[in-house]
N, C-alpha and C. Protein backbone atom coordinates (compact mmCIF):
# COMPACT_ATOMS: atom_id res chain seq x y z
N MET A 1 -23.91 -38.34 -17.39
CA MET A 1 -23.23 -37.08 -17.13
C MET A 1 -23.86 -36.36 -15.94
N LYS A 2 -25.20 -36.38 -15.87
CA LYS A 2 -25.88 -35.72 -14.76
C LYS A 2 -25.56 -36.40 -13.43
N LYS A 3 -25.42 -37.73 -13.45
CA LYS A 3 -25.10 -38.46 -12.22
C LYS A 3 -23.71 -38.08 -11.71
N ILE A 4 -22.79 -37.90 -12.63
CA ILE A 4 -21.43 -37.52 -12.24
C ILE A 4 -21.43 -36.12 -11.63
N ILE A 5 -22.15 -35.19 -12.21
CA ILE A 5 -22.22 -33.83 -11.69
C ILE A 5 -22.88 -33.81 -10.32
N ILE A 6 -24.00 -34.52 -10.17
CA ILE A 6 -24.71 -34.55 -8.89
C ILE A 6 -23.84 -35.22 -7.82
N THR A 7 -23.18 -36.33 -8.18
CA THR A 7 -22.30 -37.02 -7.24
C THR A 7 -21.13 -36.11 -6.83
N SER A 8 -20.55 -35.39 -7.78
CA SER A 8 -19.44 -34.47 -7.49
C SER A 8 -19.89 -33.36 -6.55
N ILE A 9 -21.06 -32.81 -6.78
CA ILE A 9 -21.58 -31.74 -5.91
C ILE A 9 -21.81 -32.27 -4.49
N ILE A 10 -22.38 -33.46 -4.38
CA ILE A 10 -22.62 -34.04 -3.05
C ILE A 10 -21.30 -34.29 -2.33
N ILE A 11 -20.31 -34.84 -3.02
CA ILE A 11 -19.00 -35.09 -2.41
C ILE A 11 -18.35 -33.77 -1.99
N LEU A 12 -18.44 -32.75 -2.83
CA LEU A 12 -17.88 -31.44 -2.51
C LEU A 12 -18.54 -30.85 -1.27
N VAL A 13 -19.85 -30.96 -1.15
CA VAL A 13 -20.56 -30.43 0.02
C VAL A 13 -20.13 -31.19 1.28
N ILE A 14 -20.02 -32.50 1.20
CA ILE A 14 -19.61 -33.30 2.36
C ILE A 14 -18.19 -32.95 2.80
N ILE A 15 -17.28 -32.86 1.85
CA ILE A 15 -15.89 -32.51 2.18
C ILE A 15 -15.80 -31.11 2.76
N THR A 16 -16.51 -30.17 2.15
CA THR A 16 -16.47 -28.78 2.60
C THR A 16 -17.01 -28.65 4.03
N THR A 17 -18.12 -29.29 4.32
CA THR A 17 -18.68 -29.19 5.67
C THR A 17 -17.84 -29.93 6.71
N SER A 18 -17.22 -31.05 6.33
CA SER A 18 -16.40 -31.78 7.30
C SER A 18 -15.09 -31.07 7.59
N LEU A 19 -14.56 -30.32 6.64
CA LEU A 19 -13.30 -29.60 6.83
C LEU A 19 -13.50 -28.15 7.25
N ALA A 20 -14.75 -27.70 7.36
CA ALA A 20 -15.02 -26.29 7.61
C ALA A 20 -14.40 -25.78 8.90
N ASN A 21 -14.30 -26.60 9.93
CA ASN A 21 -13.73 -26.14 11.20
C ASN A 21 -12.23 -25.93 11.12
N ASN A 22 -11.59 -26.43 10.09
CA ASN A 22 -10.14 -26.30 9.97
C ASN A 22 -9.71 -25.08 9.16
N PHE A 23 -10.63 -24.34 8.57
CA PHE A 23 -10.29 -23.16 7.79
C PHE A 23 -10.37 -21.91 8.64
N SER A 24 -9.47 -20.99 8.39
CA SER A 24 -9.55 -19.66 9.00
C SER A 24 -9.31 -18.64 7.90
N TYR A 25 -9.81 -17.45 8.14
CA TYR A 25 -9.73 -16.38 7.15
C TYR A 25 -9.11 -15.16 7.81
N SER A 26 -8.47 -14.34 7.01
CA SER A 26 -7.85 -13.14 7.58
C SER A 26 -7.99 -11.95 6.66
N VAL A 27 -7.96 -10.80 7.29
CA VAL A 27 -7.93 -9.51 6.59
C VAL A 27 -6.78 -8.75 7.24
N GLY A 28 -5.87 -8.22 6.43
CA GLY A 28 -4.71 -7.57 7.02
C GLY A 28 -4.09 -6.52 6.15
N ILE A 29 -3.01 -5.96 6.68
CA ILE A 29 -2.23 -4.94 5.97
C ILE A 29 -0.77 -5.35 6.05
N ALA A 30 -0.08 -5.33 4.92
CA ALA A 30 1.35 -5.62 4.86
C ALA A 30 2.10 -4.34 4.47
N VAL A 31 3.28 -4.16 5.04
CA VAL A 31 4.10 -2.98 4.76
C VAL A 31 5.48 -3.46 4.34
N SER A 32 5.91 -3.00 3.14
CA SER A 32 7.26 -3.23 2.66
C SER A 32 7.48 -2.34 1.46
N GLY A 33 7.86 -1.13 1.70
CA GLY A 33 8.01 -0.18 0.61
C GLY A 33 6.69 0.40 0.17
N ALA A 34 5.63 -0.32 0.35
CA ALA A 34 4.26 0.12 0.06
C ALA A 34 3.35 -0.51 1.10
N LEU A 35 2.24 0.12 1.34
CA LEU A 35 1.25 -0.37 2.28
C LEU A 35 0.11 -0.96 1.47
N PHE A 36 -0.11 -2.27 1.59
CA PHE A 36 -1.19 -2.86 0.82
C PHE A 36 -2.04 -3.80 1.67
N PRO A 37 -3.35 -3.67 1.53
CA PRO A 37 -4.26 -4.59 2.24
C PRO A 37 -4.30 -5.94 1.54
N TYR A 38 -4.66 -6.97 2.29
CA TYR A 38 -4.76 -8.30 1.72
C TYR A 38 -5.83 -9.11 2.44
N VAL A 39 -6.24 -10.18 1.79
CA VAL A 39 -7.16 -11.16 2.38
C VAL A 39 -6.47 -12.52 2.26
N GLY A 40 -6.75 -13.40 3.22
CA GLY A 40 -6.11 -14.70 3.22
C GLY A 40 -7.05 -15.81 3.64
N VAL A 41 -6.74 -17.02 3.19
CA VAL A 41 -7.45 -18.23 3.57
C VAL A 41 -6.40 -19.23 4.02
N TYR A 42 -6.62 -19.85 5.19
CA TYR A 42 -5.65 -20.78 5.75
C TYR A 42 -6.33 -22.08 6.14
N TYR A 43 -5.62 -23.17 6.00
CA TYR A 43 -6.09 -24.49 6.42
C TYR A 43 -5.23 -24.94 7.58
N ASN A 44 -5.86 -25.28 8.70
CA ASN A 44 -5.15 -25.62 9.92
C ASN A 44 -5.33 -27.10 10.26
N VAL A 45 -4.22 -27.79 10.49
CA VAL A 45 -4.24 -29.17 10.93
C VAL A 45 -3.29 -29.27 12.10
N ASP A 46 -3.82 -29.54 13.29
CA ASP A 46 -3.04 -29.59 14.52
C ASP A 46 -2.21 -28.32 14.65
N LYS A 47 -0.89 -28.43 14.56
CA LYS A 47 -0.02 -27.26 14.72
C LYS A 47 0.51 -26.74 13.39
N ILE A 48 0.03 -27.28 12.29
CA ILE A 48 0.50 -26.87 10.96
C ILE A 48 -0.57 -26.02 10.29
N GLN A 49 -0.12 -24.96 9.63
CA GLN A 49 -1.03 -24.08 8.89
C GLN A 49 -0.50 -23.89 7.48
N PHE A 50 -1.37 -24.09 6.50
CA PHE A 50 -1.05 -23.87 5.10
C PHE A 50 -2.06 -22.87 4.57
N GLY A 51 -1.60 -21.87 3.82
CA GLY A 51 -2.55 -20.89 3.35
C GLY A 51 -2.05 -20.05 2.20
N THR A 52 -2.93 -19.18 1.78
CA THR A 52 -2.63 -18.26 0.69
C THR A 52 -3.28 -16.93 0.98
N SER A 53 -2.70 -15.88 0.44
CA SER A 53 -3.28 -14.55 0.59
C SER A 53 -3.06 -13.77 -0.71
N LEU A 54 -3.85 -12.73 -0.86
CA LEU A 54 -3.74 -11.88 -2.04
C LEU A 54 -3.85 -10.43 -1.60
N GLY A 55 -2.81 -9.66 -1.89
CA GLY A 55 -2.80 -8.24 -1.60
C GLY A 55 -2.97 -7.45 -2.87
N PHE A 56 -3.48 -6.22 -2.74
CA PHE A 56 -3.75 -5.41 -3.92
C PHE A 56 -3.73 -3.93 -3.56
N ILE A 57 -3.01 -3.13 -4.36
CA ILE A 57 -3.08 -1.67 -4.26
C ILE A 57 -2.99 -1.08 -5.66
N PHE A 58 -3.32 0.19 -5.76
CA PHE A 58 -3.15 0.89 -7.02
C PHE A 58 -2.77 2.33 -6.72
N GLY A 59 -2.12 2.94 -7.69
CA GLY A 59 -1.68 4.33 -7.55
C GLY A 59 -1.23 4.88 -8.88
N PRO A 60 -0.96 6.18 -8.94
CA PRO A 60 -0.54 6.79 -10.20
C PRO A 60 0.81 6.27 -10.66
N ASN A 61 0.97 6.19 -11.98
CA ASN A 61 2.21 5.74 -12.60
C ASN A 61 3.18 6.91 -12.67
N ASP A 62 4.35 6.77 -12.05
CA ASP A 62 5.35 7.84 -12.06
C ASP A 62 5.90 8.10 -13.46
N GLN A 63 5.99 7.05 -14.29
CA GLN A 63 6.57 7.20 -15.62
C GLN A 63 5.57 7.77 -16.62
N ASN A 64 4.28 7.54 -16.40
CA ASN A 64 3.25 8.05 -17.30
C ASN A 64 2.06 8.49 -16.44
N PRO A 65 1.93 9.79 -16.17
CA PRO A 65 0.91 10.30 -15.25
C PRO A 65 -0.54 10.01 -15.70
N GLU A 66 -0.73 9.67 -16.95
CA GLU A 66 -2.08 9.39 -17.44
C GLU A 66 -2.52 7.96 -17.13
N GLU A 67 -1.60 7.11 -16.68
CA GLU A 67 -1.92 5.71 -16.38
C GLU A 67 -1.82 5.46 -14.88
N TRP A 68 -2.38 4.32 -14.48
CA TRP A 68 -2.32 3.89 -13.09
C TRP A 68 -1.54 2.58 -12.99
N ASN A 69 -0.84 2.39 -11.89
CA ASN A 69 -0.19 1.13 -11.58
C ASN A 69 -1.10 0.32 -10.67
N PHE A 70 -1.18 -0.97 -10.91
CA PHE A 70 -1.92 -1.89 -10.06
C PHE A 70 -0.93 -2.94 -9.58
N MET A 71 -0.80 -3.11 -8.26
CA MET A 71 0.13 -4.08 -7.72
C MET A 71 -0.64 -5.21 -7.05
N PHE A 72 -0.34 -6.44 -7.46
CA PHE A 72 -0.91 -7.64 -6.87
C PHE A 72 0.21 -8.36 -6.12
N SER A 73 -0.11 -8.95 -5.01
CA SER A 73 0.89 -9.69 -4.26
C SER A 73 0.30 -11.01 -3.74
N PRO A 74 0.25 -12.04 -4.60
CA PRO A 74 -0.18 -13.35 -4.10
C PRO A 74 0.94 -14.00 -3.28
N GLU A 75 0.52 -14.76 -2.27
CA GLU A 75 1.49 -15.40 -1.38
C GLU A 75 1.00 -16.78 -0.98
N LEU A 76 1.92 -17.72 -0.90
CA LEU A 76 1.67 -19.06 -0.34
C LEU A 76 2.54 -19.20 0.89
N ASN A 77 1.98 -19.77 1.96
CA ASN A 77 2.82 -19.97 3.14
C ASN A 77 2.49 -21.27 3.84
N LEU A 78 3.49 -21.76 4.54
CA LEU A 78 3.38 -23.00 5.31
C LEU A 78 4.10 -22.75 6.62
N GLY A 79 3.41 -23.06 7.73
CA GLY A 79 4.02 -22.77 9.01
C GLY A 79 3.65 -23.76 10.09
N TYR A 80 4.31 -23.57 11.22
CA TYR A 80 4.15 -24.46 12.36
C TYR A 80 3.98 -23.61 13.62
N TYR A 81 2.99 -23.95 14.44
CA TYR A 81 2.76 -23.25 15.70
C TYR A 81 3.66 -23.83 16.78
N LEU A 82 4.61 -23.06 17.25
CA LEU A 82 5.49 -23.49 18.34
C LEU A 82 4.71 -23.55 19.65
N THR A 83 3.86 -22.55 19.87
CA THR A 83 2.92 -22.50 20.98
C THR A 83 1.58 -22.09 20.40
N GLU A 84 0.58 -21.88 21.25
CA GLU A 84 -0.73 -21.47 20.74
C GLU A 84 -0.67 -20.09 20.09
N LYS A 85 0.28 -19.27 20.51
CA LYS A 85 0.35 -17.89 20.02
C LYS A 85 1.52 -17.64 19.07
N MET A 86 2.56 -18.45 19.13
CA MET A 86 3.78 -18.21 18.34
C MET A 86 3.84 -19.16 17.16
N TYR A 87 4.11 -18.58 15.97
CA TYR A 87 4.09 -19.32 14.71
C TYR A 87 5.37 -19.00 13.96
N ILE A 88 5.97 -20.00 13.34
CA ILE A 88 7.12 -19.79 12.47
C ILE A 88 6.79 -20.45 11.13
N GLY A 89 7.12 -19.75 10.04
CA GLY A 89 6.74 -20.30 8.75
C GLY A 89 7.61 -19.84 7.60
N ALA A 90 7.39 -20.46 6.47
CA ALA A 90 8.08 -20.11 5.22
C ALA A 90 7.03 -19.64 4.22
N ASP A 91 7.44 -18.74 3.34
CA ASP A 91 6.49 -18.24 2.36
C ASP A 91 7.13 -18.05 1.00
N PHE A 92 6.28 -18.01 0.01
CA PHE A 92 6.66 -17.71 -1.37
C PHE A 92 5.70 -16.62 -1.85
N ARG A 93 6.24 -15.53 -2.34
CA ARG A 93 5.42 -14.38 -2.70
C ARG A 93 5.86 -13.84 -4.05
N VAL A 94 4.92 -13.30 -4.79
CA VAL A 94 5.19 -12.67 -6.08
C VAL A 94 4.67 -11.23 -6.02
N LEU A 95 5.46 -10.30 -6.50
CA LEU A 95 5.01 -8.91 -6.61
C LEU A 95 4.85 -8.60 -8.10
N VAL A 96 3.62 -8.29 -8.49
CA VAL A 96 3.30 -8.03 -9.89
C VAL A 96 2.76 -6.61 -9.99
N VAL A 97 3.40 -5.79 -10.81
CA VAL A 97 2.93 -4.42 -11.02
C VAL A 97 2.46 -4.32 -12.47
N THR A 98 1.17 -4.06 -12.65
CA THR A 98 0.61 -3.89 -13.99
C THR A 98 0.63 -2.40 -14.30
N PRO A 99 1.14 -1.95 -15.38
CA PRO A 99 1.38 -2.59 -16.67
C PRO A 99 2.79 -3.13 -16.86
N TYR A 100 3.57 -3.32 -15.81
CA TYR A 100 4.94 -3.82 -15.93
C TYR A 100 5.02 -5.27 -15.46
N GLN A 101 4.01 -6.08 -15.78
CA GLN A 101 3.95 -7.45 -15.28
C GLN A 101 5.10 -8.33 -15.77
N TYR A 102 5.79 -7.94 -16.82
CA TYR A 102 6.95 -8.71 -17.28
C TYR A 102 8.13 -8.55 -16.33
N GLU A 103 8.03 -7.65 -15.36
CA GLU A 103 9.09 -7.45 -14.37
C GLU A 103 8.65 -7.96 -13.00
N GLN A 104 8.04 -9.12 -12.97
CA GLN A 104 7.59 -9.69 -11.70
C GLN A 104 8.77 -9.95 -10.79
N LEU A 105 8.53 -9.80 -9.51
CA LEU A 105 9.57 -10.05 -8.52
C LEU A 105 9.13 -11.25 -7.68
N TYR A 106 9.92 -12.31 -7.70
CA TYR A 106 9.62 -13.52 -6.95
C TYR A 106 10.45 -13.51 -5.67
N LEU A 107 9.80 -13.75 -4.54
CA LEU A 107 10.47 -13.73 -3.24
C LEU A 107 10.15 -14.99 -2.46
N THR A 108 11.08 -15.41 -1.64
CA THR A 108 10.83 -16.49 -0.70
C THR A 108 11.49 -16.11 0.61
N GLY A 109 10.91 -16.54 1.69
CA GLY A 109 11.48 -16.16 2.97
C GLY A 109 10.89 -16.90 4.14
N ILE A 110 11.28 -16.45 5.32
CA ILE A 110 10.78 -17.02 6.56
C ILE A 110 10.21 -15.89 7.41
N GLY A 111 9.31 -16.26 8.30
CA GLY A 111 8.70 -15.25 9.15
C GLY A 111 8.27 -15.83 10.48
N ILE A 112 8.01 -14.95 11.41
CA ILE A 112 7.53 -15.34 12.72
C ILE A 112 6.30 -14.49 13.03
N LYS A 113 5.28 -15.15 13.59
CA LYS A 113 4.02 -14.48 13.84
C LYS A 113 3.62 -14.69 15.29
N TYR A 114 3.08 -13.65 15.89
CA TYR A 114 2.57 -13.73 17.25
C TYR A 114 1.10 -13.35 17.23
N GLY A 115 0.25 -14.19 17.80
CA GLY A 115 -1.18 -13.95 17.81
C GLY A 115 -1.69 -13.53 19.17
N ILE A 116 -2.55 -12.53 19.19
CA ILE A 116 -3.21 -12.06 20.40
C ILE A 116 -4.66 -12.50 20.31
N PRO A 117 -5.07 -13.48 21.13
CA PRO A 117 -6.43 -14.02 21.01
C PRO A 117 -7.50 -13.02 21.46
N ILE A 118 -8.58 -12.98 20.69
CA ILE A 118 -9.76 -12.18 21.01
C ILE A 118 -10.97 -13.06 20.73
N ASN A 119 -11.62 -13.55 21.79
CA ASN A 119 -12.73 -14.50 21.67
C ASN A 119 -12.30 -15.69 20.82
N ASP A 120 -12.98 -15.96 19.71
CA ASP A 120 -12.61 -17.08 18.83
C ASP A 120 -11.70 -16.65 17.69
N SER A 121 -11.28 -15.40 17.69
CA SER A 121 -10.43 -14.86 16.63
C SER A 121 -9.10 -14.42 17.23
N SER A 122 -8.25 -13.83 16.41
CA SER A 122 -6.99 -13.30 16.93
C SER A 122 -6.48 -12.18 16.04
N ILE A 123 -5.70 -11.32 16.66
CA ILE A 123 -4.97 -10.29 15.93
C ILE A 123 -3.53 -10.77 15.85
N ASN A 124 -3.01 -10.89 14.66
CA ASN A 124 -1.67 -11.43 14.46
C ASN A 124 -0.72 -10.34 13.99
N LEU A 125 0.48 -10.33 14.53
CA LEU A 125 1.54 -9.45 14.07
C LEU A 125 2.65 -10.34 13.55
N MET A 126 3.13 -10.05 12.34
CA MET A 126 4.11 -10.92 11.71
C MET A 126 5.28 -10.12 11.16
N LEU A 127 6.48 -10.62 11.35
CA LEU A 127 7.70 -10.07 10.76
C LEU A 127 8.29 -11.16 9.89
N SER A 128 8.66 -10.79 8.66
CA SER A 128 9.29 -11.78 7.79
C SER A 128 10.36 -11.11 6.95
N GLY A 129 11.32 -11.91 6.56
CA GLY A 129 12.39 -11.47 5.67
C GLY A 129 12.34 -12.31 4.41
N ASN A 130 12.21 -11.67 3.27
CA ASN A 130 12.10 -12.38 2.00
C ASN A 130 13.30 -12.08 1.12
N TYR A 131 13.82 -13.14 0.50
CA TYR A 131 14.96 -13.01 -0.41
C TYR A 131 14.48 -13.07 -1.85
N ILE A 132 15.16 -12.35 -2.73
CA ILE A 132 14.83 -12.35 -4.15
C ILE A 132 15.26 -13.67 -4.76
N ILE A 133 14.37 -14.30 -5.50
CA ILE A 133 14.71 -15.51 -6.24
C ILE A 133 15.23 -15.07 -7.60
N PRO A 134 16.37 -15.59 -8.06
CA PRO A 134 16.99 -15.07 -9.28
C PRO A 134 16.31 -15.49 -10.58
N ILE A 135 15.06 -15.08 -10.74
CA ILE A 135 14.33 -15.26 -12.01
C ILE A 135 13.57 -13.97 -12.28
N SER A 136 13.25 -13.72 -13.53
CA SER A 136 12.50 -12.54 -13.95
C SER A 136 13.19 -11.26 -13.50
N ALA A 137 12.46 -10.33 -12.86
CA ALA A 137 13.06 -9.06 -12.44
C ALA A 137 14.16 -9.31 -11.43
N GLY A 138 14.00 -10.34 -10.60
CA GLY A 138 15.04 -10.68 -9.65
C GLY A 138 16.32 -11.08 -10.33
N LYS A 139 16.21 -11.74 -11.48
CA LYS A 139 17.40 -12.16 -12.24
C LYS A 139 18.19 -10.94 -12.69
N ARG A 140 17.49 -9.90 -13.16
CA ARG A 140 18.19 -8.68 -13.58
C ARG A 140 18.88 -8.02 -12.40
N SER A 141 18.26 -8.09 -11.22
CA SER A 141 18.89 -7.51 -10.03
C SER A 141 20.21 -8.20 -9.73
N TRP A 142 20.21 -9.51 -9.86
CA TRP A 142 21.42 -10.27 -9.60
C TRP A 142 22.49 -9.94 -10.63
N GLU A 143 22.10 -9.89 -11.90
CA GLU A 143 23.08 -9.72 -12.97
C GLU A 143 23.62 -8.30 -13.07
N GLU A 144 22.76 -7.32 -12.92
CA GLU A 144 23.16 -5.94 -13.16
C GLU A 144 23.56 -5.19 -11.90
N GLY A 145 23.36 -5.81 -10.73
CA GLY A 145 23.74 -5.14 -9.48
C GLY A 145 22.95 -3.87 -9.25
N ARG A 146 21.67 -3.90 -9.54
CA ARG A 146 20.84 -2.72 -9.34
C ARG A 146 20.81 -2.36 -7.86
N ASP A 147 19.96 -1.41 -7.51
CA ASP A 147 19.91 -0.95 -6.13
C ASP A 147 19.35 -1.99 -5.18
N MET A 148 18.76 -3.08 -5.68
CA MET A 148 18.30 -4.16 -4.81
C MET A 148 19.41 -5.19 -4.68
N ASN A 149 19.77 -5.53 -3.48
CA ASN A 149 20.78 -6.55 -3.25
C ASN A 149 20.07 -7.85 -2.90
N PRO A 150 20.22 -8.90 -3.70
CA PRO A 150 19.49 -10.14 -3.46
C PRO A 150 19.91 -10.87 -2.20
N TYR A 151 21.06 -10.50 -1.62
CA TYR A 151 21.54 -11.20 -0.43
C TYR A 151 21.01 -10.58 0.86
N ILE A 152 20.40 -9.42 0.78
CA ILE A 152 19.82 -8.76 1.94
C ILE A 152 18.32 -9.00 1.91
N PRO A 153 17.74 -9.53 3.00
CA PRO A 153 16.30 -9.81 2.97
C PRO A 153 15.46 -8.54 2.91
N ILE A 154 14.37 -8.62 2.19
CA ILE A 154 13.42 -7.52 2.12
C ILE A 154 12.44 -7.73 3.27
N PRO A 155 12.36 -6.78 4.21
CA PRO A 155 11.48 -7.00 5.37
C PRO A 155 10.01 -6.75 5.03
N PHE A 156 9.15 -7.54 5.61
CA PHE A 156 7.71 -7.36 5.53
C PHE A 156 7.17 -7.33 6.95
N ILE A 157 6.34 -6.37 7.24
CA ILE A 157 5.64 -6.29 8.52
C ILE A 157 4.17 -6.42 8.20
N GLN A 158 3.51 -7.35 8.87
CA GLN A 158 2.11 -7.60 8.59
C GLN A 158 1.30 -7.58 9.89
N GLY A 159 0.12 -7.02 9.79
CA GLY A 159 -0.84 -7.07 10.87
C GLY A 159 -2.14 -7.59 10.28
N GLU A 160 -2.75 -8.56 10.94
CA GLU A 160 -3.96 -9.14 10.37
C GLU A 160 -4.95 -9.52 11.46
N TYR A 161 -6.19 -9.56 11.08
CA TYR A 161 -7.25 -10.06 11.94
C TYR A 161 -7.67 -11.40 11.37
N GLU A 162 -7.46 -12.47 12.13
CA GLU A 162 -7.76 -13.82 11.67
C GLU A 162 -9.01 -14.32 12.38
N PHE A 163 -9.97 -14.77 11.59
CA PHE A 163 -11.21 -15.28 12.19
C PHE A 163 -11.59 -16.61 11.58
């Protein structure tokens, strides 16, 4: 058992150090009805980038002033660099508001990002349009015709520092 653990740790260290140059990290702010900061980790191979980010905000609950709402926004994205500065990609995002987590909103969309290089890092500006996927809270929007129209994309504007 000890040999397996030691071997696994050695393999993990070798893989991590060999792939370290392909990872980038970001800190940013996304705006779409709310302003929330996020952190992201991306894996870059040639002109393809795959990554994930997690946004988080909190604020008072309008329905119950004694409680707070916490909003999490995990996202997965996959994209392609058309040029060194221009990126086009697809994403999948979930909006979770606690204590109303049973009303999660699932979104998928496309976006375009432009990077302004600064030394070995860059400042990226991204515009994306996300559509509601008809499950969970999105399903109720489709069925009941609430104020959210699933056929109109929800815009997201993001600014991030990628290093």
